[in-house]
Amino acid sequence: MKEPDGLKKVLLIDHIEGQCRCIIGFKYGDAREAYMCGEPVYQRRGKKLSSWCFYHHGQMHTTVAQQNRESDQSAEIPQVISIVRTP
């Protein structure tokens, strides 16, 4: 999965259907003027159109899958601690 080079980036207000909606930056640092990726969106056969290109779609799903795996691994069974009391 190759990261987009940014040549197709588009301002949010100039966005058209079929372009990746991942926000990649801001014009002059102004949050009201967001740059979106602009690459063609990813579509799996028989599914509706995604909002992200192949790269950003993969990034989003990889991140979610990793988080799920990490949360499953961190939910270990607590170990029993024995306390010995002496009178």
Protein backbone atom coordinates (compact mmCIF):
# COMPACT_ATOMS: atom_id res chain seq x y z
CA MET A 1 0.00 0.00 0.00
CA LYS A 2 1.73 3.16 -1.21
CA GLU A 3 1.03 6.48 0.50
CA PRO A 4 -0.51 9.10 -1.85
CA ASP A 5 1.98 11.77 -2.97
CA GLY A 6 -0.41 14.68 -2.28
CA LEU A 7 -0.55 15.91 -5.87
CA LYS A 8 -4.32 15.33 -6.03
CA LYS A 9 -5.12 17.08 -2.75
CA VAL A 10 -8.21 19.25 -2.89
CA LEU A 11 -9.79 21.83 -0.61
CA LEU A 12 -12.88 20.62 1.21
CA ILE A 13 -15.07 23.22 -0.53
CA ASP A 14 -13.86 21.99 -3.97
CA HIS A 15 -14.42 18.29 -3.19
CA ILE A 16 -16.42 16.21 -5.67
CA GLU A 17 -17.97 12.75 -5.32
CA GLY A 18 -15.50 9.91 -5.80
CA GLN A 19 -12.51 11.63 -4.15
CA CYS A 20 -10.94 10.44 -0.88
CA ARG A 21 -12.21 12.49 2.07
CA CYS A 22 -9.27 11.93 4.41
CA ILE A 23 -8.12 15.30 5.78
CA ILE A 24 -4.38 15.61 5.19
CA GLY A 25 -3.75 19.23 6.17
CA PHE A 26 -5.04 22.78 6.36
CA LYS A 27 -4.48 25.81 4.13
CA TYR A 28 -2.40 28.34 6.10
CA GLY A 29 -3.17 26.32 9.26
CA ASP A 30 -6.82 27.43 9.15
CA ALA A 31 -9.15 24.62 10.27
CA ARG A 32 -11.94 26.08 8.10
CA GLU A 33 -9.91 25.35 4.95
CA ALA A 34 -9.10 21.64 5.12
CA TYR A 35 -7.17 19.80 2.42
CA MET A 36 -8.50 16.35 1.58
CA CYS A 37 -6.54 13.54 -0.09
CA GLY A 38 -8.42 13.70 -3.42
CA GLU A 39 -7.32 10.25 -4.68
CA PRO A 40 -10.03 8.05 -6.27
CA VAL A 41 -12.06 6.19 -3.62
CA TYR A 42 -11.80 2.48 -2.88
CA GLN A 43 -14.67 0.19 -3.88
CA ARG A 44 -15.01 -3.52 -3.22
CA ARG A 45 -17.12 -5.56 -5.60
CA GLY A 46 -20.72 -5.71 -4.40
CA LYS A 47 -20.20 -3.01 -1.75
CA LYS A 48 -21.08 0.66 -1.79
CA LEU A 49 -18.42 3.27 -2.49
CA SER A 50 -16.03 4.04 0.35
CA SER A 51 -15.19 7.58 1.48
CA TRP A 52 -11.44 6.86 1.39
CA CYS A 53 -8.84 5.83 -1.18
CA PHE A 54 -7.22 2.40 -1.01
CA TYR A 55 -4.35 3.68 1.18
CA HIS A 56 -6.46 5.54 3.77
CA HIS A 57 -9.10 2.77 3.80
CA GLY A 58 -6.34 0.29 4.67
CA GLN A 59 -4.91 2.63 7.31
CA MET A 60 -8.29 3.03 8.99
CA HIS A 61 -9.07 -0.70 9.04
CA THR A 62 -5.55 -1.74 10.03
CA THR A 63 -5.65 0.67 12.97
CA VAL A 64 -9.03 -0.63 14.17
CA ALA A 65 -7.90 -4.26 13.84
CA GLN A 66 -4.69 -3.55 15.76
CA GLN A 67 -6.61 -1.78 18.52
CA ASN A 68 -9.00 -4.73 18.82
CA ARG A 69 -6.07 -7.17 19.03
CA GLU A 70 -4.33 -5.06 21.65
CA SER A 71 -7.48 -4.74 23.76
CA ASP A 72 -8.00 -8.53 23.56
CA GLN A 73 -4.42 -9.15 24.67
CA SER A 74 -4.59 -6.64 27.51
CA ALA A 75 -7.67 -8.31 28.98
CA GLU A 76 -5.64 -10.99 30.69
CA ILE A 77 -7.08 -13.09 33.47
CA PRO A 78 -6.01 -11.59 36.77
CA GLN A 79 -3.62 -13.71 38.79
CA VAL A 80 -4.62 -14.89 42.23
CA ILE A 81 -2.51 -13.40 44.98
CA SER A 82 -2.28 -15.44 48.12
CA ILE A 83 -1.83 -13.62 51.39
CA VAL A 84 -0.32 -15.60 54.21
CA ARG A 85 -1.17 -14.26 57.65
CA THR A 86 0.78 -15.30 60.64
CA PRO A 87 -0.78 -14.94 64.08
